Amino acid sequence: MSAPTVYDVAERSGVSIATVSRVYRNPDSVRAQTREKVMEAARELGYVPSGSARGLASRTTGVLGLCFPDFVDQDAEAAAAAASDADDDQAVMLYSDQVIRGMERAARRHGYALLIAASLDGGPESLVAKVAGRVDGFAVLAQTVPTEDLEVISRRLPVVMLSGPREIDHLDHIVVANAEGERELTRHLIEDHGLRRLAFIGGEENSPDARARFRGFQEACRDAGLPVPSRPEVRAGMMTQAEGALAADALLDRSEGTGVERPEAMLFANDQMAVGALQALERRGVRVPGDIAVTGFDGIPLSRIVRPPLTTVRQPIRHLGEQAVELLVQRLADPGRAPVSLELPVSVTRRASCGCG
């Protein structure tokens, strides 16, 4: 016996296919009596809507997409799992997990499913091919898809850019206040803790978030009359926990090998690297914050459960995902509206790794 279709539900309930589609896509647009009639028919038939069935009447899929690099930090995930209660799912969520959770929540609220394309096997073009044509619109993390490809896709689908510079003027765009957050964190170390020898550990050169955070660090140093470095003290590749440990070891080795005083603080471009550094410093008998202060950026749950708890800049990662969906839904409802560029605020979270708390 074949599975029931949208046609069967429409026939059983005595309404059009378009009405059935609206019940699942936008239930508030259908009268309560009609809505209940359709839902009752669906229950009797055992009908489960699919993307293609939902799109028959409206030529839409009922799906939103998210594109981001296939970036897994197994060390950080293992550390979070080990440091937290085994039943605490929130503790092991890293940056991309939080974005996905925010998008899923908002998509569900609007009656959409979420399709995630997180593999770069075959290159960015392959990633786009997995998503375009299967969704009504999608969010793209900066540097994931070539600008020229986004230009082509955005002519027929709403696209929201997450993080990074606004490379395409007619696209909606969301960033967090990266430079401002790192500037305030650096000022805290300088003004409240009296630290002067600061080392910023950045990410790969084409990471827009890491560049913005380094710019905030430079501004705080300039304001305090400290030397302003032209580049990060160390530049990590993947911004993982392992890279953070390597960076901390490199800074200590450099100090021991040259006799140059080691830094009083290590400021990492994200939390995952900072967690790796905490482990490396403990392994070498360096006290945090007694000998060196350590800070991160992002505010992932792991930052609060490591020892010592990590001072960081908390960005609203889940809200970033929610806002992406809101902009996509607004664009679908009003394709001609002016493009929006949002900057979400961040806040410094002071914990024991810098001497607070």
Protein backbone atom coordinates (compact mmCIF):
# COMPACT_ATOMS: atom_id res chain seq x y z
CA MET A 1 0.00 0.00 0.00
CA SER A 2 1.43 3.35 -1.04
CA ALA A 3 1.83 6.21 1.42
CA PRO A 4 -1.00 8.77 1.48
CA THR A 5 -0.32 11.98 -0.43
CA VAL A 6 -1.37 15.59 -0.24
CA TYR A 7 -3.96 14.77 -2.92
CA ASP A 8 -5.53 12.17 -0.62
CA VAL A 9 -5.75 14.62 2.27
CA ALA A 10 -7.30 17.29 0.03
CA GLU A 11 -9.88 14.84 -1.28
CA ARG A 12 -10.75 13.43 2.17
CA SER A 13 -11.15 16.87 3.74
CA GLY A 14 -12.90 18.44 0.76
CA VAL A 15 -10.46 21.31 0.30
CA SER A 16 -7.90 22.26 -2.31
CA ILE A 17 -4.27 21.13 -2.35
CA ALA A 18 -3.30 24.76 -1.77
CA THR A 19 -5.31 24.82 1.44
CA VAL A 20 -3.64 21.64 2.69
CA SER A 21 -0.27 23.20 1.95
CA ARG A 22 -1.20 26.38 3.87
CA VAL A 23 -2.30 24.35 6.88
CA TYR A 24 1.20 22.93 7.17
CA ARG A 25 3.12 26.00 6.03
CA ASN A 26 1.15 28.81 7.65
CA PRO A 27 -1.67 27.42 9.82
CA ASP A 28 -2.80 30.84 11.07
CA SER A 29 -3.80 31.77 7.51
CA VAL A 30 -6.49 29.04 7.48
CA ARG A 31 -9.76 29.18 9.43
CA ALA A 32 -9.71 27.01 12.54
CA GLN A 33 -12.63 24.87 11.35
CA THR A 34 -10.96 24.16 7.99
CA ARG A 35 -7.61 23.58 9.65
CA GLU A 36 -9.06 20.98 11.99
CA LYS A 37 -10.83 19.25 9.09
CA VAL A 38 -7.52 18.93 7.21
CA MET A 39 -5.61 17.73 10.27
CA GLU A 40 -8.29 15.15 11.07
CA ALA A 41 -8.12 13.80 7.50
CA ALA A 42 -4.32 13.65 7.73
CA ARG A 43 -4.50 11.72 11.02
CA GLU A 44 -6.99 9.24 9.60
CA LEU A 45 -4.85 8.66 6.53
CA GLY A 46 -1.54 8.60 8.38
CA TYR A 47 -0.26 11.39 6.15
CA VAL A 48 3.14 12.92 6.88
CA PRO A 49 4.00 16.02 4.80
CA SER A 50 7.21 15.93 2.74
CA GLY A 51 9.06 18.85 1.28
CA SER A 52 7.91 18.02 -2.24
CA ALA A 53 4.27 17.54 -1.25
CA ARG A 54 4.22 20.79 0.64
CA GLY A 55 5.60 22.56 -2.40
CA LEU A 56 3.06 21.31 -4.94
CA ALA A 57 0.69 24.20 -4.50
CA SER A 58 3.16 26.94 -3.68
CA ARG A 59 6.28 25.85 -5.61
CA THR A 60 8.22 25.99 -2.37
CA THR A 61 9.96 23.27 -0.42
CA GLY A 62 9.18 24.24 3.16
CA VAL A 63 12.90 23.93 3.88
CA LEU A 64 15.59 26.45 4.78
CA GLY A 65 19.29 25.69 4.39
CA LEU A 66 22.48 26.39 6.30
CA CYS A 67 25.93 26.17 4.67
CA PHE A 68 29.10 26.08 6.74
CA PRO A 69 32.48 24.33 6.57
CA ASP A 70 32.79 20.79 7.88
CA PHE A 71 34.67 21.88 10.98
CA VAL A 72 34.93 19.39 13.84
CA ASP A 73 37.08 19.85 16.93
CA GLN A 74 37.05 16.37 18.43
CA ASP A 75 39.38 17.38 21.27
CA ALA A 76 37.05 20.15 22.40
CA GLU A 77 34.00 17.90 22.17
CA ALA A 78 35.76 15.22 24.22
CA ALA A 79 36.88 17.78 26.80
CA ALA A 80 33.35 19.12 27.14
CA ALA A 81 31.91 15.65 27.56
CA ALA A 82 34.50 14.72 30.17
CA ALA A 83 34.10 17.94 32.15
CA SER A 84 30.31 17.98 32.22
CA ASP A 85 27.49 15.86 33.48
CA ALA A 86 26.93 13.04 31.00
CA ASP A 87 23.29 14.10 30.66
CA ASP A 88 24.08 17.75 29.94
CA ASP A 89 23.70 18.04 26.17
CA GLN A 90 24.23 21.80 26.27
CA ALA A 91 27.77 21.49 27.62
CA VAL A 92 29.20 19.82 24.51
CA MET A 93 27.73 22.30 22.03
CA LEU A 94 30.37 24.18 20.06
CA TYR A 95 29.92 27.22 17.81
CA SER A 96 28.28 25.55 14.81
CA ASP A 97 26.04 23.46 17.09
CA GLN A 98 24.68 26.62 18.67
CA VAL A 99 23.99 28.27 15.29
CA ILE A 100 22.16 25.15 14.14
CA ARG A 101 20.11 24.97 17.35
CA GLY A 102 19.04 28.60 16.92
CA MET A 103 18.07 28.12 13.28
CA GLU A 104 16.18 24.89 14.03
CA ARG A 105 14.17 26.54 16.76
CA ALA A 106 13.20 29.54 14.63
CA ALA A 107 12.56 27.44 11.51
CA ARG A 108 10.23 25.14 13.40
CA ARG A 109 8.38 28.16 14.77
CA HIS A 110 7.73 29.31 11.21
CA GLY A 111 6.79 25.86 9.91
CA TYR A 112 10.06 25.12 8.10
CA ALA A 113 12.52 22.26 8.25
CA LEU A 114 16.27 22.88 8.21
CA LEU A 115 18.71 21.33 5.73
CA ILE A 116 22.35 21.45 6.78
CA ALA A 117 25.16 21.28 4.23
CA ALA A 118 28.38 20.99 6.19
CA SER A 119 30.77 19.14 3.94
CA LEU A 120 33.33 20.66 1.64
CA ASP A 121 34.09 17.38 -0.11
CA GLY A 122 34.31 18.29 -3.78
CA GLY A 123 34.76 21.97 -3.00
CA PRO A 124 32.36 24.85 -2.27
CA GLU A 125 30.54 24.33 -5.56
CA SER A 126 29.53 20.88 -4.34
CA LEU A 127 28.22 22.41 -1.15
CA VAL A 128 26.05 24.84 -3.06
CA ALA A 129 24.77 22.08 -5.32
CA LYS A 130 23.60 20.15 -2.28
CA VAL A 131 21.46 23.04 -1.11
CA ALA A 132 20.35 25.21 -4.06
CA GLY A 133 17.15 23.91 -5.59
CA ARG A 134 16.18 22.03 -2.43
CA VAL A 135 15.44 24.99 -0.17
CA ASP A 136 13.41 28.20 -0.19
CA GLY A 137 16.40 30.20 1.09
CA PHE A 138 19.59 29.65 3.00
CA ALA A 139 22.11 31.13 5.38
CA VAL A 140 25.81 30.95 4.56
CA LEU A 141 28.70 31.28 6.96
CA ALA A 142 31.33 33.69 5.68
CA GLN A 143 34.06 32.27 3.42
CA THR A 144 32.07 29.07 2.83
CA VAL A 145 30.84 29.73 -0.71
CA PRO A 146 32.60 31.81 -3.41
CA THR A 147 31.10 35.28 -3.84
CA GLU A 148 30.42 34.75 -7.55
CA ASP A 149 28.36 31.62 -6.77
CA LEU A 150 26.33 33.49 -4.16
CA GLU A 151 25.65 36.24 -6.69
CA VAL A 152 24.11 33.70 -9.06
CA ILE A 153 22.09 31.87 -6.42
CA SER A 154 20.79 35.03 -4.75
CA ARG A 155 19.04 36.02 -7.98
CA ARG A 156 16.49 33.29 -7.37
CA LEU A 157 16.78 32.47 -3.65
CA PRO A 158 16.98 34.59 -0.50
CA VAL A 159 20.46 34.35 1.03
CA VAL A 160 21.61 35.61 4.43
CA MET A 161 25.33 36.01 5.12
CA LEU A 162 26.51 35.14 8.63
CA SER A 163 29.69 36.80 9.93
CA GLY A 164 32.39 38.43 7.91
CA PRO A 165 32.22 41.59 5.77
CA ARG A 166 29.20 42.41 3.67
CA GLU A 167 30.60 41.26 0.34
CA ILE A 168 27.31 41.52 -1.60
CA ASP A 169 25.31 44.68 -0.97
CA HIS A 170 21.90 43.29 -1.86
CA LEU A 171 22.09 40.37 0.59
CA ASP A 172 20.89 40.41 4.18
CA HIS A 173 23.83 40.21 6.56
CA ILE A 174 24.38 39.47 10.26
CA VAL A 175 27.58 39.90 12.28
CA VAL A 176 28.45 40.19 15.94
CA ALA A 177 30.48 43.04 17.43
CA ASN A 178 33.80 41.19 17.19
CA ALA A 179 36.17 44.16 17.34
CA GLU A 180 34.24 45.90 20.11
CA GLY A 181 34.15 42.75 22.22
CA GLU A 182 37.88 42.05 21.95
CA ARG A 183 38.66 45.70 22.60
CA GLU A 184 36.67 45.66 25.86
CA LEU A 185 38.24 42.38 26.95
CA THR A 186 41.75 43.70 26.30
CA ARG A 187 40.97 46.92 28.18
CA HIS A 188 39.81 44.83 31.13
CA LEU A 189 43.15 43.02 31.29
CA ILE A 190 45.09 46.28 30.99
CA GLU A 191 43.05 48.55 33.23
CA ASP A 192 41.64 46.18 35.84
CA HIS A 193 44.52 43.69 36.14
CA GLY A 194 47.44 45.92 35.16
CA LEU A 195 48.73 43.52 32.53
CA ARG A 196 51.07 44.97 29.89
CA ARG A 197 52.71 42.09 28.03
CA LEU A 198 49.84 40.75 25.97
CA ALA A 199 49.97 38.13 23.21
CA PHE A 200 47.09 37.74 20.78
CA ILE A 201 46.71 34.32 19.14
CA GLY A 202 44.73 34.68 15.92
CA GLY A 203 43.13 32.38 13.39
CA GLU A 204 43.79 31.77 9.74
CA GLU A 205 44.38 34.97 7.79
CA ASN A 206 41.16 34.79 5.76
CA SER A 207 38.91 34.41 8.82
CA PRO A 208 36.92 37.67 9.01
CA ASP A 209 35.94 37.12 12.64
CA ALA A 210 39.52 36.50 13.73
CA ARG A 211 40.70 39.58 11.83
CA ALA A 212 38.06 41.77 13.47
CA ARG A 213 38.97 40.47 16.92
CA PHE A 214 42.64 41.23 16.32
CA ARG A 215 41.70 44.74 15.21
CA GLY A 216 39.89 45.25 18.53
CA PHE A 217 42.98 44.05 20.37
CA GLN A 218 45.14 46.52 18.43
CA GLU A 219 42.77 49.39 19.25
CA ALA A 220 42.88 48.64 22.99
CA CYS A 221 46.69 48.49 22.94
CA ARG A 222 46.87 51.79 21.06
CA ASP A 223 44.46 53.45 23.50
CA ALA A 224 46.56 52.27 26.45
CA GLY A 225 49.84 53.47 24.93
CA LEU A 226 51.16 49.93 24.53
CA PRO A 227 53.07 48.67 21.46
CA VAL A 228 50.64 47.83 18.68
CA PRO A 229 51.58 44.62 16.85
CA SER A 230 50.96 44.49 13.13
CA ARG A 231 50.10 40.78 13.22
CA PRO A 232 49.04 38.22 15.85
CA GLU A 233 51.84 36.81 17.99
CA VAL A 234 50.88 33.37 16.71
CA ARG A 235 48.46 32.56 13.89
CA ALA A 236 46.66 29.22 14.23
CA GLY A 237 45.34 27.28 11.27
CA MET A 238 42.02 25.72 12.24
CA MET A 239 41.34 27.51 15.57
CA THR A 240 40.96 24.15 17.33
CA GLN A 241 41.84 23.04 20.82
CA ALA A 242 44.96 21.29 19.53
CA GLU A 243 46.09 24.47 17.74
CA GLY A 244 45.62 26.44 20.96
CA ALA A 245 47.86 24.02 22.85
CA LEU A 246 50.52 24.29 20.14
CA ALA A 247 50.35 28.09 20.26
CA ALA A 248 50.78 28.17 24.04
CA ASP A 249 53.74 25.79 23.82
CA ALA A 250 55.30 27.91 21.06
CA LEU A 251 55.04 31.10 23.13
CA LEU A 252 56.60 29.42 26.16
CA ASP A 253 59.36 27.83 24.08
CA ARG A 254 60.14 31.16 22.46
CA SER A 255 60.48 32.83 25.84
CA GLU A 256 62.65 30.07 27.27
CA GLY A 257 64.83 29.93 24.17
CA THR A 258 65.46 33.66 23.74
CA GLY A 259 65.25 34.97 27.27
CA VAL A 260 62.48 37.38 26.30
CA GLU A 261 59.93 37.75 29.07
CA ARG A 262 56.93 35.57 28.46
CA PRO A 263 53.53 37.21 28.09
CA GLU A 264 51.44 38.08 31.10
CA ALA A 265 48.30 37.19 29.16
CA MET A 266 47.39 35.08 26.14
CA LEU A 267 44.29 36.28 24.30
CA PHE A 268 42.90 33.65 21.93
CA ALA A 269 40.63 34.37 18.98
CA ASN A 270 38.17 31.71 20.14
CA ASP A 271 37.34 29.60 23.18
CA GLN A 272 38.39 26.28 21.70
CA MET A 273 41.99 27.41 21.28
CA ALA A 274 41.98 28.92 24.77
CA VAL A 275 40.86 25.61 26.28
CA GLY A 276 43.74 23.84 24.55
CA ALA A 277 46.11 26.45 25.96
CA LEU A 278 44.83 25.90 29.50
CA GLN A 279 45.68 22.23 29.20
CA ALA A 280 49.13 22.91 27.73
CA LEU A 281 49.97 25.42 30.45
CA GLU A 282 48.87 23.04 33.19
CA ARG A 283 50.99 20.30 31.67
CA ARG A 284 54.04 22.58 31.83
CA GLY A 285 53.38 23.69 35.39
CA VAL A 286 52.35 27.24 34.47
CA ARG A 287 49.63 28.59 36.77
CA VAL A 288 46.56 30.28 35.33
CA PRO A 289 45.98 33.08 36.20
CA GLY A 290 48.89 33.27 38.68
CA ASP A 291 51.59 33.14 36.02
CA ILE A 292 49.65 33.86 32.83
CA ALA A 293 46.07 34.99 32.25
CA VAL A 294 44.16 33.27 29.43
CA THR A 295 41.07 34.52 27.58
CA GLY A 296 38.91 33.33 24.70
CA PHE A 297 36.05 34.51 22.53
CA ASP A 298 32.59 33.04 21.76
CA GLY A 299 31.15 32.02 25.11
CA ILE A 300 30.54 28.37 24.22
CA PRO A 301 29.32 26.25 27.18
CA LEU A 302 32.73 24.58 27.42
CA SER A 303 34.21 27.90 28.55
CA ARG A 304 32.39 27.78 31.88
CA ILE A 305 33.15 24.16 32.80
CA VAL A 306 36.90 24.01 32.16
CA ARG A 307 39.29 24.64 35.06
CA PRO A 308 39.88 27.44 35.65
CA PRO A 309 36.66 28.75 34.08
CA LEU A 310 37.50 30.82 31.03
CA THR A 311 37.19 34.58 30.76
CA THR A 312 35.70 35.21 27.34
CA VAL A 313 33.58 37.43 25.14
CA ARG A 314 30.13 35.94 24.92
CA GLN A 315 28.46 36.34 21.56
CA PRO A 316 24.77 35.45 21.03
CA ILE A 317 25.51 32.43 18.83
CA ARG A 318 22.07 30.85 19.05
CA HIS A 319 20.41 34.21 18.45
CA LEU A 320 22.57 34.55 15.33
CA GLY A 321 20.89 31.44 13.93
CA GLU A 322 17.44 32.61 14.97
CA GLN A 323 17.93 35.99 13.32
CA ALA A 324 19.09 34.32 10.11
CA VAL A 325 15.77 32.49 9.87
CA GLU A 326 13.79 35.63 10.69
CA LEU A 327 15.48 37.51 7.85
CA LEU A 328 14.91 34.65 5.41
CA VAL A 329 11.22 34.44 6.33
CA GLN A 330 10.85 38.21 5.97
CA ARG A 331 12.58 38.12 2.59
CA LEU A 332 10.31 35.30 1.38
CA ALA A 333 7.26 37.31 2.42
CA ASP A 334 8.57 40.56 0.92
CA PRO A 335 11.21 39.93 -1.78
CA GLY A 336 11.48 43.61 -2.67
CA ARG A 337 12.33 44.98 0.76
CA ALA A 338 15.64 46.76 1.32
CA PRO A 339 18.53 44.55 2.45
CA VAL A 340 19.24 44.47 6.18
CA SER A 341 22.62 44.44 7.94
CA LEU A 342 22.53 43.61 11.65
CA GLU A 343 25.32 43.75 14.23
CA LEU A 344 24.50 41.77 17.36
CA PRO A 345 25.99 42.94 20.68
CA VAL A 346 28.48 40.92 22.73
CA SER A 347 29.50 41.01 26.39
CA VAL A 348 32.66 40.29 28.37
CA THR A 349 32.27 37.37 30.79
CA ARG A 350 34.84 37.67 33.58
CA ARG A 351 35.94 34.40 35.16
CA ALA A 352 38.90 32.91 37.01
CA SER A 353 41.28 32.48 34.05
CA CYS A 354 42.07 36.22 34.10
CA GLY A 355 41.98 36.59 37.87
CA CYS A 356 38.31 37.44 38.29
CA GLY A 357 35.66 35.38 40.03
